[in-house]
Structures are given as C-alpha cells and as structure tokens.
Amino acid sequence: MKKRLHIFVSGKVQGVSFRHNARELAEKLPLVGWICNLRDGRVEILVEGEDHKIQEFLSWCYKGPIEAVVQDVVFDFEKPEGDFFDFRITYQE
C-alpha cells in the first residue's frame, strides 16, 4: 500500500550530506518525493512509496549520515497523490 510522509528533521542536519544520503537511500528503496534545507536549520522531506519502504526511510532519518546529530524527527502521514516520479533535492526560495 502506498503512503506519503511529511518529515521535519532537526539537529546538526545541514552541512553533513544529509540531503545527498537521503536521496541515495530513497533511490535505492525506491521512493519518490523531495528534500530541502530550511532556513531554521531543519531538513524537510516529503516522501511517497510503499509502506514498508517508507518505514525504512523514516528509521534512517532518526540517525542520518555519520556526521549528523539528529535531535528530533517530526512527521505526519498524508494522502498519497502520486505526483512525483523521482526523489529530488530542492531549494527553499
């Protein structure tokens, strides 16, 4: 069953390749969506895919890459919309 998850990760999560590692994992699983750095230091992620793959991705978010220090992960499940075809790093305007 397809799921969509909106995630906010805080801590030392910028400047530690969090986005690039997340994209690699998403492509491997495979999942679709996007990830971006927020001005307040958090990382925001919107990811969609099979439930068990989403859970695996979410578990990874609690630790991130080796250089990261994750302090908090906040997430909400949303209705999957099927409007993504890949997983991208995006940039806040």
C-alpha atoms as a PDB file:
ATOM      1  CA  MET A   1       0.000   0.000   0.000  1.00  0.00           C
ATOM      2  CA  LYS A   2       1.320   3.447  -0.941  1.00  0.00           C
ATOM      3  CA  LYS A   3       1.928   6.045   1.751  1.00  0.00           C
ATOM      4  CA  ARG A   4       3.079   9.660   1.851  1.00  0.00           C
ATOM      5  CA  LEU A   5       5.093  11.017   4.748  1.00  0.00           C
ATOM      6  CA  HIS A   6       5.983  14.634   5.514  1.00  0.00           C
ATOM      7  CA  ILE A   7       9.071  14.771   7.754  1.00  0.00           C
ATOM      8  CA  PHE A   8      10.990  17.521   9.567  1.00  0.00           C
ATOM      9  CA  VAL A   9      14.412  16.592  10.970  1.00  0.00           C
ATOM     10  CA  SER A  10      16.267  18.873  13.382  1.00  0.00           C
ATOM     11  CA  GLY A  11      19.714  18.898  14.940  1.00  0.00           C
ATOM     12  CA  LYS A  12      23.039  19.006  13.132  1.00  0.00           C
ATOM     13  CA  VAL A  13      21.484  18.013   9.812  1.00  0.00           C
ATOM     14  CA  GLN A  14      22.764  20.682   7.426  1.00  0.00           C
ATOM     15  CA  GLY A  15      26.290  20.641   6.029  1.00  0.00           C
ATOM     16  CA  VAL A  16      26.665  16.914   6.762  1.00  0.00           C
ATOM     17  CA  SER A  17      25.418  15.450   3.434  1.00  0.00           C
ATOM     18  CA  PHE A  18      22.015  14.612   4.934  1.00  0.00           C
ATOM     19  CA  ARG A  19      20.151  15.501   1.727  1.00  0.00           C
ATOM     20  CA  HIS A  20      22.510  13.596  -0.550  1.00  0.00           C
ATOM     21  CA  ASN A  21      22.470  10.476   1.616  1.00  0.00           C
ATOM     22  CA  ALA A  22      18.675  10.655   1.901  1.00  0.00           C
ATOM     23  CA  ARG A  23      18.376  10.885  -1.887  1.00  0.00           C
ATOM     24  CA  GLU A  24      20.644   7.846  -2.341  1.00  0.00           C
ATOM     25  CA  LEU A  25      18.542   5.833   0.110  1.00  0.00           C
ATOM     26  CA  ALA A  26      15.278   6.967  -1.492  1.00  0.00           C
ATOM     27  CA  GLU A  27      16.539   5.957  -4.939  1.00  0.00           C
ATOM     28  CA  LYS A  28      17.682   2.574  -3.601  1.00  0.00           C
ATOM     29  CA  LEU A  29      14.369   1.739  -1.905  1.00  0.00           C
ATOM     30  CA  PRO A  30      12.823   3.193  -4.378  1.00  0.00           C
ATOM     31  CA  LEU A  31      10.837   6.162  -3.082  1.00  0.00           C
ATOM     32  CA  VAL A  32       9.823   9.447  -4.703  1.00  0.00           C
ATOM     33  CA  GLY A  33       9.486  12.995  -3.407  1.00  0.00           C
ATOM     34  CA  TRP A  34      11.868  15.743  -2.344  1.00  0.00           C
ATOM     35  CA  ILE A  35      14.146  17.018   0.416  1.00  0.00           C
ATOM     36  CA  CYS A  36      15.348  20.535   1.237  1.00  0.00           C
ATOM     37  CA  ASN A  37      17.204  22.530   3.883  1.00  0.00           C
ATOM     38  CA  LEU A  38      15.108  25.057   5.771  1.00  0.00           C
ATOM     39  CA  ARG A  39      16.387  28.450   6.887  1.00  0.00           C
ATOM     40  CA  ASP A  40      15.837  27.491  10.548  1.00  0.00           C
ATOM     41  CA  GLY A  41      18.392  24.648  10.289  1.00  0.00           C
ATOM     42  CA  ARG A  42      15.953  21.768   9.855  1.00  0.00           C
ATOM     43  CA  VAL A  43      15.603  19.459   6.869  1.00  0.00           C
ATOM     44  CA  GLU A  44      12.144  18.998   5.336  1.00  0.00           C
ATOM     45  CA  ILE A  45      11.242  15.839   3.422  1.00  0.00           C
ATOM     46  CA  LEU A  46       8.160  14.732   1.512  1.00  0.00           C
ATOM     47  CA  VAL A  47       8.406  11.093   0.525  1.00  0.00           C
ATOM     48  CA  GLU A  48       5.987   8.660  -1.095  1.00  0.00           C
ATOM     49  CA  GLY A  49       6.105   4.921  -1.728  1.00  0.00           C
ATOM     50  CA  GLU A  50       5.313   1.508  -0.324  1.00  0.00           C
ATOM     51  CA  ASP A  51       4.578   1.447   3.404  1.00  0.00           C
ATOM     52  CA  HIS A  52       7.475  -0.813   4.452  1.00  0.00           C
ATOM     53  CA  LYS A  53       9.939   1.255   2.388  1.00  0.00           C
ATOM     54  CA  ILE A  54       8.616   4.476   3.951  1.00  0.00           C
ATOM     55  CA  GLN A  55       9.159   2.962   7.406  1.00  0.00           C
ATOM     56  CA  GLU A  56      12.746   2.026   6.498  1.00  0.00           C
ATOM     57  CA  PHE A  57      13.400   5.568   5.264  1.00  0.00           C
ATOM     58  CA  LEU A  58      11.866   7.083   8.408  1.00  0.00           C
ATOM     59  CA  SER A  59      14.053   4.877  10.629  1.00  0.00           C
ATOM     60  CA  TRP A  60      17.125   6.142   8.782  1.00  0.00           C
ATOM     61  CA  CYS A  61      16.014   9.760   9.407  1.00  0.00           C
ATOM     62  CA  TYR A  62      16.449   9.220  13.157  1.00  0.00           C
ATOM     63  CA  LYS A  63      20.194   8.699  12.680  1.00  0.00           C
ATOM     64  CA  GLY A  64      21.043  10.185   9.257  1.00  0.00           C
ATOM     65  CA  PRO A  65      24.570  10.053   7.851  1.00  0.00           C
ATOM     66  CA  ILE A  66      27.525   9.509  10.178  1.00  0.00           C
ATOM     67  CA  GLU A  67      28.317  13.243  10.515  1.00  0.00           C
ATOM     68  CA  ALA A  68      24.729  14.155  11.509  1.00  0.00           C
ATOM     69  CA  VAL A  69      23.430  14.602  15.047  1.00  0.00           C
ATOM     70  CA  VAL A  70      19.658  14.182  14.844  1.00  0.00           C
ATOM     71  CA  GLN A  71      17.836  15.753  17.776  1.00  0.00           C
ATOM     72  CA  ASP A  72      14.223  15.392  16.681  1.00  0.00           C
ATOM     73  CA  VAL A  73      12.091  13.912  13.916  1.00  0.00           C
ATOM     74  CA  VAL A  74       8.521  15.139  13.461  1.00  0.00           C
ATOM     75  CA  PHE A  75       6.330  13.527  10.828  1.00  0.00           C
ATOM     76  CA  ASP A  76       2.772  13.241   9.570  1.00  0.00           C
ATOM     77  CA  PHE A  77       1.235  10.766   7.190  1.00  0.00           C
ATOM     78  CA  GLU A  78      -0.631  12.347   4.292  1.00  0.00           C
ATOM     79  CA  LYS A  79      -2.768  11.026   1.467  1.00  0.00           C
ATOM     80  CA  PRO A  80      -0.527   9.786  -1.371  1.00  0.00           C
ATOM     81  CA  GLU A  81      -1.063  11.792  -4.535  1.00  0.00           C
ATOM     82  CA  GLY A  82       1.270  10.079  -6.996  1.00  0.00           C
ATOM     83  CA  ASP A  83       2.585  13.381  -8.317  1.00  0.00           C
ATOM     84  CA  PHE A  84       6.316  12.548  -8.106  1.00  0.00           C
ATOM     85  CA  PHE A  85       8.428  10.474 -10.476  1.00  0.00           C
ATOM     86  CA  ASP A  86      11.784  10.651  -8.690  1.00  0.00           C
ATOM     87  CA  PHE A  87      13.400  11.908  -5.486  1.00  0.00           C
ATOM     88  CA  ARG A  88      14.962  15.373  -5.743  1.00  0.00           C
ATOM     89  CA  ILE A  89      16.965  17.765  -3.679  1.00  0.00           C
ATOM     90  CA  THR A  90      15.104  21.060  -3.808  1.00  0.00           C
ATOM     91  CA  TYR A  91      15.987  24.520  -2.576  1.00  0.00           C
ATOM     92  CA  GLN A  92      13.923  26.892  -0.470  1.00  0.00           C
ATOM     93  CA  GLU A  93      13.206  30.218  -2.168  1.00  0.00           C
END
